Structure formats: C-alpha cells, structure tokens
Amino acid sequence: MSFNESKIMFSKLDSSMDLSEHFFRFVFNKISRKKLNRFVEKDHYSIDIIPFDSEPIKVIPIFKDMDKDNLFLHEEIELACRLIQNDKIKCIYFVYPKNVKFTKHIEIKVPILESTCSEYVIKIIPYSLNDLYKKGINNGNCNILCK
C-alpha cells in the first residue's frame, strides 16, 4: 500500500480527526489488544508498553511518508535523546505507515548516546495498515478505528 492510499483510507474515516490522530488510534488499538504479559498506556503523543519482565518501550506513531533512502529524522532523534537521557526510557520506537519505500525497521545509532548510555534502542518501524484495509474497504466499514 502506498502512502497516498493510506491517506485516502484514513481520510474516509471520521472527518473530525486529522490523519495523524487516526494513525495514532489505529496503532494504539492494535497494540492494546495484546495485553497478556504487559500493561499498555497512552498519552497525547505516545504509547507505553510496560512488560512485566523487561524494560518499557515507548512507541511514537507518526503519520508521515518515509523513504529509507531519504530519512529526515532530526526531530525524532532529538526527542528520543531527551526521553532516553531524562525519562530513563531506553527503548523508543517511532512507527510510520508502511509503504513501498519503507518496508523494514531500521535501528538508529546516535553518537552522543553511544558514549553516555550503556544500552538504548531507537528504531523506526513500518507499521502495516492491512487490518484497516481489509476491514475498512472490503467490508464497507470505514469506522474500524473507533471499535
């Protein structure tokens, strides 16, 4: 699915929300379904996965067209550095809509964190919208995010 197809699909949903809000809700709903060995919490911009037996993970959904060959992540890297250094969260995942130019996760290494933090993980992750596509288009139910 292309990024433009994602935009069209989300734009058919509740028009009172922007595309970023739709994407955030979609990601949260998918993550929060599986609560077997973890808690899932959200705030206005991120989703925290708190496993019972390991370090927490902060997931930050961002609705933007990604291209693995032309990554512009300055704001995301600054945010991740602040969170890792100040909030003591060591695992940050930025998730974006999956598209033909962005199909595999990429781990980001930051020189300042390499020297100051013993362990950290920053990843950018393509997030599949297939559930939305299958349920929203094929069943005529474009309000899948509200379920």
N, C-alpha and C. Protein backbone atom coordinates (compact mmCIF):
# COMPACT_ATOMS: atom_id res chain seq x y z
N MET A 1 0.84 -1.17 0.00
CA MET A 1 0.00 0.00 0.00
C MET A 1 0.89 1.24 0.00
N SER A 2 0.57 2.20 -0.83
CA SER A 2 1.36 3.43 -0.88
C SER A 2 0.92 4.38 0.23
N PHE A 3 1.74 5.38 0.48
CA PHE A 3 1.40 6.37 1.49
C PHE A 3 0.13 7.13 1.08
N ASN A 4 0.00 7.43 -0.21
CA ASN A 4 -1.20 8.13 -0.69
C ASN A 4 -2.45 7.29 -0.48
N GLU A 5 -2.36 5.98 -0.68
CA GLU A 5 -3.50 5.11 -0.40
C GLU A 5 -3.85 5.14 1.08
N SER A 6 -2.83 5.20 1.93
CA SER A 6 -3.07 5.31 3.38
C SER A 6 -3.81 6.60 3.69
N LYS A 7 -3.38 7.70 3.09
CA LYS A 7 -4.04 8.98 3.32
C LYS A 7 -5.49 8.94 2.89
N ILE A 8 -5.75 8.35 1.74
CA ILE A 8 -7.13 8.26 1.24
C ILE A 8 -7.97 7.42 2.18
N MET A 9 -7.43 6.29 2.63
CA MET A 9 -8.17 5.41 3.52
C MET A 9 -8.51 6.12 4.83
N PHE A 10 -7.52 6.78 5.44
CA PHE A 10 -7.77 7.48 6.69
C PHE A 10 -8.71 8.67 6.49
N SER A 11 -8.63 9.32 5.34
CA SER A 11 -9.50 10.49 5.11
C SER A 11 -10.96 10.09 4.98
N LYS A 12 -11.24 8.82 4.69
CA LYS A 12 -12.63 8.34 4.61
C LYS A 12 -13.23 8.09 5.99
N LEU A 13 -12.40 8.11 7.00
CA LEU A 13 -12.88 7.89 8.36
C LEU A 13 -13.45 9.19 8.92
N ASP A 14 -13.71 9.21 10.17
CA ASP A 14 -14.25 10.36 10.88
C ASP A 14 -13.50 11.64 10.51
N SER A 15 -14.18 12.57 9.89
CA SER A 15 -13.52 13.79 9.41
C SER A 15 -13.20 14.78 10.52
N SER A 16 -13.64 14.52 11.74
CA SER A 16 -13.32 15.43 12.84
C SER A 16 -11.89 15.24 13.34
N MET A 17 -11.23 14.15 12.92
CA MET A 17 -9.85 13.90 13.32
C MET A 17 -8.93 14.06 12.11
N ASP A 18 -7.70 14.49 12.38
CA ASP A 18 -6.75 14.56 11.27
C ASP A 18 -6.10 13.18 11.07
N LEU A 19 -5.32 13.07 10.02
CA LEU A 19 -4.72 11.77 9.67
C LEU A 19 -3.80 11.26 10.76
N SER A 20 -3.07 12.15 11.41
CA SER A 20 -2.17 11.72 12.50
C SER A 20 -2.95 11.11 13.65
N GLU A 21 -4.09 11.71 13.99
CA GLU A 21 -4.91 11.16 15.07
C GLU A 21 -5.46 9.79 14.71
N HIS A 22 -5.90 9.63 13.47
CA HIS A 22 -6.39 8.32 13.02
C HIS A 22 -5.29 7.27 13.12
N PHE A 23 -4.10 7.61 12.67
CA PHE A 23 -2.99 6.66 12.70
C PHE A 23 -2.64 6.32 14.14
N PHE A 24 -2.58 7.32 15.01
CA PHE A 24 -2.28 7.07 16.43
C PHE A 24 -3.30 6.10 17.01
N ARG A 25 -4.58 6.35 16.77
CA ARG A 25 -5.64 5.49 17.32
C ARG A 25 -5.52 4.06 16.76
N PHE A 26 -5.23 3.95 15.47
CA PHE A 26 -5.08 2.63 14.86
C PHE A 26 -3.94 1.85 15.52
N VAL A 27 -2.79 2.50 15.68
CA VAL A 27 -1.64 1.84 16.31
C VAL A 27 -1.96 1.46 17.75
N PHE A 28 -2.55 2.38 18.50
CA PHE A 28 -2.89 2.09 19.89
C PHE A 28 -3.85 0.91 19.99
N ASN A 29 -4.88 0.89 19.16
CA ASN A 29 -5.85 -0.22 19.20
C ASN A 29 -5.19 -1.56 18.91
N LYS A 30 -4.28 -1.58 17.95
CA LYS A 30 -3.59 -2.85 17.65
C LYS A 30 -2.69 -3.28 18.79
N ILE A 31 -1.94 -2.35 19.36
CA ILE A 31 -1.02 -2.68 20.45
C ILE A 31 -1.79 -3.09 21.70
N SER A 32 -2.86 -2.38 22.01
CA SER A 32 -3.57 -2.63 23.26
C SER A 32 -4.39 -3.91 23.24
N ARG A 33 -4.60 -4.49 22.08
CA ARG A 33 -5.33 -5.77 22.01
C ARG A 33 -4.59 -6.89 22.73
N LYS A 34 -3.28 -6.86 22.67
CA LYS A 34 -2.47 -7.94 23.25
C LYS A 34 -1.90 -7.48 24.58
N LYS A 35 -2.60 -7.81 25.67
CA LYS A 35 -2.19 -7.35 27.00
C LYS A 35 -1.78 -8.50 27.90
N LEU A 36 -1.46 -9.63 27.34
CA LEU A 36 -1.21 -10.81 28.14
C LEU A 36 -0.12 -10.62 29.19
N ASN A 37 1.04 -10.15 28.80
CA ASN A 37 2.17 -10.03 29.73
C ASN A 37 2.66 -8.60 29.88
N ARG A 38 1.72 -7.63 29.76
CA ARG A 38 2.14 -6.24 29.80
C ARG A 38 0.96 -5.31 30.06
N PHE A 39 1.31 -4.10 30.46
CA PHE A 39 0.35 -3.01 30.53
C PHE A 39 0.58 -2.13 29.30
N VAL A 40 -0.48 -1.48 28.85
CA VAL A 40 -0.36 -0.54 27.74
C VAL A 40 -1.03 0.77 28.18
N GLU A 41 -0.27 1.85 28.11
CA GLU A 41 -0.78 3.17 28.48
C GLU A 41 -0.51 4.14 27.34
N LYS A 42 -1.33 5.20 27.27
CA LYS A 42 -1.08 6.20 26.23
C LYS A 42 -1.20 7.59 26.83
N ASP A 43 -0.50 8.53 26.19
CA ASP A 43 -0.70 9.94 26.48
C ASP A 43 -1.01 10.62 25.15
N HIS A 44 -0.84 11.90 25.06
CA HIS A 44 -1.27 12.60 23.85
C HIS A 44 -0.41 12.33 22.62
N TYR A 45 0.82 11.82 22.78
CA TYR A 45 1.66 11.60 21.61
C TYR A 45 2.33 10.22 21.56
N SER A 46 2.23 9.44 22.63
CA SER A 46 2.96 8.17 22.63
C SER A 46 2.17 7.08 23.33
N ILE A 47 2.64 5.86 23.12
CA ILE A 47 2.05 4.66 23.72
C ILE A 47 3.17 3.96 24.48
N ASP A 48 2.94 3.69 25.73
CA ASP A 48 3.94 2.99 26.54
C ASP A 48 3.53 1.54 26.71
N ILE A 49 4.43 0.65 26.35
CA ILE A 49 4.25 -0.78 26.57
C ILE A 49 5.12 -1.13 27.77
N ILE A 50 4.48 -1.62 28.82
CA ILE A 50 5.21 -1.91 30.05
C ILE A 50 5.12 -3.41 30.32
N PRO A 51 6.11 -4.16 29.84
CA PRO A 51 6.10 -5.62 30.06
C PRO A 51 6.34 -5.94 31.53
N PHE A 52 5.83 -7.07 31.96
CA PHE A 52 6.01 -7.49 33.34
C PHE A 52 7.46 -7.88 33.63
N ASP A 53 8.19 -8.32 32.61
CA ASP A 53 9.51 -8.90 32.85
C ASP A 53 10.66 -8.24 32.10
N SER A 54 10.45 -7.05 31.54
CA SER A 54 11.54 -6.37 30.84
C SER A 54 11.31 -4.86 30.85
N GLU A 55 12.21 -4.15 30.21
CA GLU A 55 12.16 -2.69 30.19
C GLU A 55 10.96 -2.18 29.38
N PRO A 56 10.43 -1.01 29.75
CA PRO A 56 9.32 -0.43 28.99
C PRO A 56 9.76 0.05 27.60
N ILE A 57 8.80 0.12 26.72
CA ILE A 57 9.02 0.58 25.35
C ILE A 57 8.07 1.74 25.10
N LYS A 58 8.61 2.82 24.56
CA LYS A 58 7.77 3.96 24.17
C LYS A 58 7.60 3.91 22.66
N VAL A 59 6.34 3.86 22.22
CA VAL A 59 6.01 3.83 20.80
C VAL A 59 5.42 5.19 20.44
N ILE A 60 5.99 5.80 19.41
CA ILE A 60 5.52 7.12 18.98
C ILE A 60 5.06 7.02 17.52
N PRO A 61 3.74 6.96 17.31
CA PRO A 61 3.22 6.89 15.94
C PRO A 61 3.31 8.25 15.25
N ILE A 62 3.81 8.25 14.04
CA ILE A 62 3.93 9.49 13.26
C ILE A 62 3.42 9.19 11.85
N PHE A 63 2.42 9.93 11.43
CA PHE A 63 1.85 9.73 10.10
C PHE A 63 2.60 10.61 9.11
N LYS A 64 3.60 10.01 8.49
CA LYS A 64 4.44 10.74 7.53
C LYS A 64 4.99 9.74 6.53
N ASP A 65 5.18 10.20 5.32
CA ASP A 65 5.70 9.36 4.25
C ASP A 65 7.20 9.15 4.45
N MET A 66 7.60 7.90 4.64
CA MET A 66 9.00 7.59 4.88
C MET A 66 9.62 6.94 3.65
N ASP A 67 10.88 7.25 3.44
CA ASP A 67 11.66 6.66 2.36
C ASP A 67 13.01 6.27 2.96
N LYS A 68 13.31 5.00 2.96
CA LYS A 68 14.54 4.52 3.61
C LYS A 68 15.81 5.14 3.01
N ASP A 69 15.72 5.62 1.79
CA ASP A 69 16.89 6.23 1.15
C ASP A 69 17.01 7.72 1.43
N ASN A 70 15.98 8.33 1.96
CA ASN A 70 15.98 9.77 2.27
C ASN A 70 15.31 9.99 3.62
N LEU A 71 16.01 9.62 4.67
CA LEU A 71 15.44 9.76 6.01
C LEU A 71 15.73 11.15 6.57
N PHE A 72 14.70 11.81 7.02
CA PHE A 72 14.84 13.10 7.70
C PHE A 72 14.26 12.91 9.09
N LEU A 73 15.14 12.64 10.05
CA LEU A 73 14.70 12.25 11.39
C LEU A 73 15.26 13.15 12.49
N HIS A 74 15.63 14.36 12.16
CA HIS A 74 16.27 15.23 13.16
C HIS A 74 15.39 15.44 14.39
N GLU A 75 14.11 15.77 14.18
CA GLU A 75 13.21 15.99 15.31
C GLU A 75 13.01 14.72 16.13
N GLU A 76 12.85 13.60 15.44
CA GLU A 76 12.64 12.34 16.14
C GLU A 76 13.86 11.95 16.98
N ILE A 77 15.05 12.15 16.42
CA ILE A 77 16.28 11.80 17.15
C ILE A 77 16.46 12.71 18.36
N GLU A 78 16.16 14.00 18.20
CA GLU A 78 16.23 14.91 19.35
C GLU A 78 15.27 14.48 20.45
N LEU A 79 14.04 14.14 20.07
CA LEU A 79 13.05 13.69 21.05
C LEU A 79 13.52 12.41 21.74
N ALA A 80 14.00 11.47 20.97
CA ALA A 80 14.48 10.20 21.55
C ALA A 80 15.62 10.44 22.52
N CYS A 81 16.55 11.30 22.17
CA CYS A 81 17.68 11.60 23.07
C CYS A 81 17.18 12.20 24.38
N ARG A 82 16.24 13.15 24.29
CA ARG A 82 15.69 13.75 25.51
C ARG A 82 15.00 12.70 26.38
N LEU A 83 14.21 11.84 25.76
CA LEU A 83 13.49 10.81 26.52
C LEU A 83 14.46 9.83 27.18
N ILE A 84 15.46 9.42 26.44
CA ILE A 84 16.42 8.44 26.98
C ILE A 84 17.24 9.06 28.10
N GLN A 85 17.67 10.29 27.92
CA GLN A 85 18.51 10.93 28.93
C GLN A 85 17.72 11.41 30.15
N ASN A 86 16.50 11.90 29.95
CA ASN A 86 15.73 12.49 31.06
C ASN A 86 14.73 11.54 31.70
N ASP A 87 14.05 10.75 30.89
CA ASP A 87 12.99 9.89 31.41
C ASP A 87 13.45 8.48 31.72
N LYS A 88 14.67 8.19 31.40
CA LYS A 88 15.25 6.87 31.68
C LYS A 88 14.55 5.74 30.91
N ILE A 89 13.89 6.08 29.82
CA ILE A 89 13.32 5.06 28.94
C ILE A 89 14.41 4.71 27.94
N LYS A 90 14.71 3.46 27.79
CA LYS A 90 15.84 3.04 26.96
C LYS A 90 15.43 2.49 25.60
N CYS A 91 14.14 2.35 25.38
CA CYS A 91 13.68 1.75 24.13
C CYS A 91 12.58 2.63 23.52
N ILE A 92 12.89 3.21 22.37
CA ILE A 92 11.96 4.12 21.70
C ILE A 92 11.74 3.63 20.27
N TYR A 93 10.48 3.43 19.92
CA TYR A 93 10.13 3.03 18.56
C TYR A 93 9.27 4.13 17.94
N PHE A 94 9.70 4.65 16.80
CA PHE A 94 8.89 5.55 16.00
C PHE A 94 8.25 4.69 14.92
N VAL A 95 6.92 4.72 14.84
CA VAL A 95 6.24 3.91 13.83
C VAL A 95 5.59 4.83 12.80
N TYR A 96 5.71 4.41 11.55
CA TYR A 96 5.20 5.16 10.41
C TYR A 96 4.41 4.20 9.53
N PRO A 97 3.50 4.72 8.71
CA PRO A 97 2.79 3.83 7.80
C PRO A 97 3.77 3.13 6.85
N LYS A 98 3.59 1.84 6.73
CA LYS A 98 4.41 1.05 5.82
C LYS A 98 4.05 1.44 4.38
N ASN A 99 5.06 1.51 3.52
CA ASN A 99 4.83 1.77 2.10
C ASN A 99 5.94 1.11 1.30
N VAL A 100 5.88 1.22 -0.01
CA VAL A 100 6.84 0.51 -0.87
C VAL A 100 8.28 1.00 -0.68
N LYS A 101 8.47 2.22 -0.17
CA LYS A 101 9.81 2.75 0.05
C LYS A 101 10.28 2.57 1.49
N PHE A 102 9.44 1.96 2.31
CA PHE A 102 9.77 1.78 3.72
C PHE A 102 9.10 0.50 4.21
N THR A 103 9.85 -0.61 4.13
CA THR A 103 9.27 -1.92 4.43
C THR A 103 9.92 -2.66 5.59
N LYS A 104 11.08 -2.21 6.04
CA LYS A 104 11.80 -2.90 7.12
C LYS A 104 12.22 -1.91 8.19
N HIS A 105 12.24 -2.40 9.44
CA HIS A 105 12.65 -1.50 10.52
C HIS A 105 14.14 -1.15 10.39
N ILE A 106 14.48 0.01 10.93
CA ILE A 106 15.85 0.50 10.88
C ILE A 106 16.24 0.93 12.30
N GLU A 107 17.34 0.41 12.78
CA GLU A 107 17.83 0.83 14.09
C GLU A 107 18.72 2.06 13.91
N ILE A 108 18.52 3.04 14.77
CA ILE A 108 19.25 4.29 14.69
C ILE A 108 20.30 4.34 15.81
N LYS A 109 21.52 4.64 15.45
CA LYS A 109 22.60 4.83 16.43
C LYS A 109 22.90 6.33 16.51
N VAL A 110 23.00 6.82 17.75
CA VAL A 110 23.24 8.24 17.99
C VAL A 110 24.56 8.37 18.75
N PRO A 111 25.56 9.05 18.17
CA PRO A 111 26.88 9.12 18.81
C PRO A 111 26.85 9.60 20.27
N ILE A 112 26.08 10.62 20.58
CA ILE A 112 26.07 11.12 21.96
C ILE A 112 25.52 10.07 22.93
N LEU A 113 24.56 9.29 22.48
CA LEU A 113 24.02 8.23 23.35
C LEU A 113 24.98 7.05 23.45
N GLU A 114 25.73 6.81 22.39
CA GLU A 114 26.71 5.72 22.42
C GLU A 114 27.72 5.94 23.54
N SER A 115 28.07 7.20 23.78
CA SER A 115 29.08 7.48 24.80
C SER A 115 28.50 7.67 26.20
N THR A 116 27.20 7.98 26.30
CA THR A 116 26.63 8.25 27.63
C THR A 116 25.70 7.18 28.16
N CYS A 117 25.11 6.39 27.30
CA CYS A 117 24.15 5.37 27.73
C CYS A 117 24.69 3.98 27.41
N SER A 118 24.60 3.11 28.37
CA SER A 118 25.13 1.77 28.13
C SER A 118 24.25 0.97 27.17
N GLU A 119 22.96 1.08 27.35
CA GLU A 119 22.04 0.34 26.46
C GLU A 119 20.87 1.24 26.09
N TYR A 120 20.59 1.32 24.82
CA TYR A 120 19.41 2.02 24.35
C TYR A 120 19.05 1.45 22.98
N VAL A 121 17.79 1.62 22.60
CA VAL A 121 17.34 1.19 21.28
C VAL A 121 16.43 2.28 20.73
N ILE A 122 16.76 2.76 19.55
CA ILE A 122 15.88 3.66 18.80
C ILE A 122 15.65 2.99 17.45
N LYS A 123 14.39 2.76 17.14
CA LYS A 123 14.07 2.15 15.85
C LYS A 123 12.99 2.95 15.16
N ILE A 124 13.06 2.96 13.84
CA ILE A 124 11.93 3.42 13.05
C ILE A 124 11.34 2.18 12.41
N ILE A 125 10.03 2.07 12.53
CA ILE A 125 9.36 0.82 12.18
C ILE A 125 8.20 1.09 11.23
N PRO A 126 8.16 0.37 10.11
CA PRO A 126 6.99 0.48 9.23
C PRO A 126 5.82 -0.28 9.84
N TYR A 127 4.68 0.33 9.87
CA TYR A 127 3.51 -0.27 10.50
C TYR A 127 2.48 -0.59 9.43
N SER A 128 2.14 -1.85 9.32
CA SER A 128 1.21 -2.29 8.29
C SER A 128 -0.21 -1.82 8.59
N LEU A 129 -0.89 -1.38 7.55
CA LEU A 129 -2.28 -0.96 7.67
C LEU A 129 -3.21 -1.99 7.05
N ASN A 130 -2.74 -3.22 6.89
CA ASN A 130 -3.55 -4.25 6.24
C ASN A 130 -4.86 -4.52 6.96
N ASP A 131 -4.86 -4.49 8.30
CA ASP A 131 -6.12 -4.71 9.03
C ASP A 131 -7.15 -3.66 8.64
N LEU A 132 -6.72 -2.44 8.58
CA LEU A 132 -7.62 -1.36 8.21
C LEU A 132 -8.10 -1.53 6.78
N TYR A 133 -7.19 -1.89 5.91
CA TYR A 133 -7.54 -2.07 4.50
C TYR A 133 -8.55 -3.19 4.34
N LYS A 134 -8.27 -4.34 4.95
CA LYS A 134 -9.17 -5.50 4.82
C LYS A 134 -10.54 -5.22 5.40
N LYS A 135 -10.58 -4.69 6.61
CA LYS A 135 -11.85 -4.47 7.29
C LYS A 135 -12.56 -3.23 6.79
N GLY A 136 -11.81 -2.18 6.51
CA GLY A 136 -12.43 -0.92 6.13
C GLY A 136 -12.93 -0.90 4.71
N ILE A 137 -12.16 -1.40 3.78
CA ILE A 137 -12.55 -1.34 2.38
C ILE A 137 -13.43 -2.52 2.00
N ASN A 138 -12.99 -3.72 2.30
CA ASN A 138 -13.71 -4.91 1.86
C ASN A 138 -15.06 -5.08 2.52
N ASN A 139 -15.20 -4.66 3.77
CA ASN A 139 -16.47 -4.82 4.47
C ASN A 139 -17.31 -3.56 4.45
N GLY A 140 -16.82 -2.52 3.83
CA GLY A 140 -17.55 -1.27 3.81
C GLY A 140 -17.57 -0.56 5.15
N ASN A 141 -16.78 -1.03 6.11
CA ASN A 141 -16.76 -0.43 7.43
C ASN A 141 -15.56 0.49 7.55
N CYS A 142 -15.74 1.75 7.26
CA CYS A 142 -14.63 2.70 7.33
C CYS A 142 -14.44 3.26 8.73
N ASN A 143 -15.18 2.77 9.69
CA ASN A 143 -15.05 3.29 11.05
C ASN A 143 -14.33 2.29 11.94
N ILE A 144 -13.44 1.51 11.40
CA ILE A 144 -12.74 0.45 12.14
C ILE A 144 -11.93 1.01 13.30
N LEU A 145 -11.45 2.24 13.21
CA LEU A 145 -10.61 2.80 14.26
C LEU A 145 -11.40 3.08 15.54
N CYS A 146 -12.68 3.19 15.43
CA CYS A 146 -13.49 3.53 16.61
C CYS A 146 -13.95 2.30 17.37
N LYS A 147 -13.69 1.12 16.87
CA LYS A 147 -14.12 -0.11 17.56
C LYS A 147 -13.30 -0.37 18.77
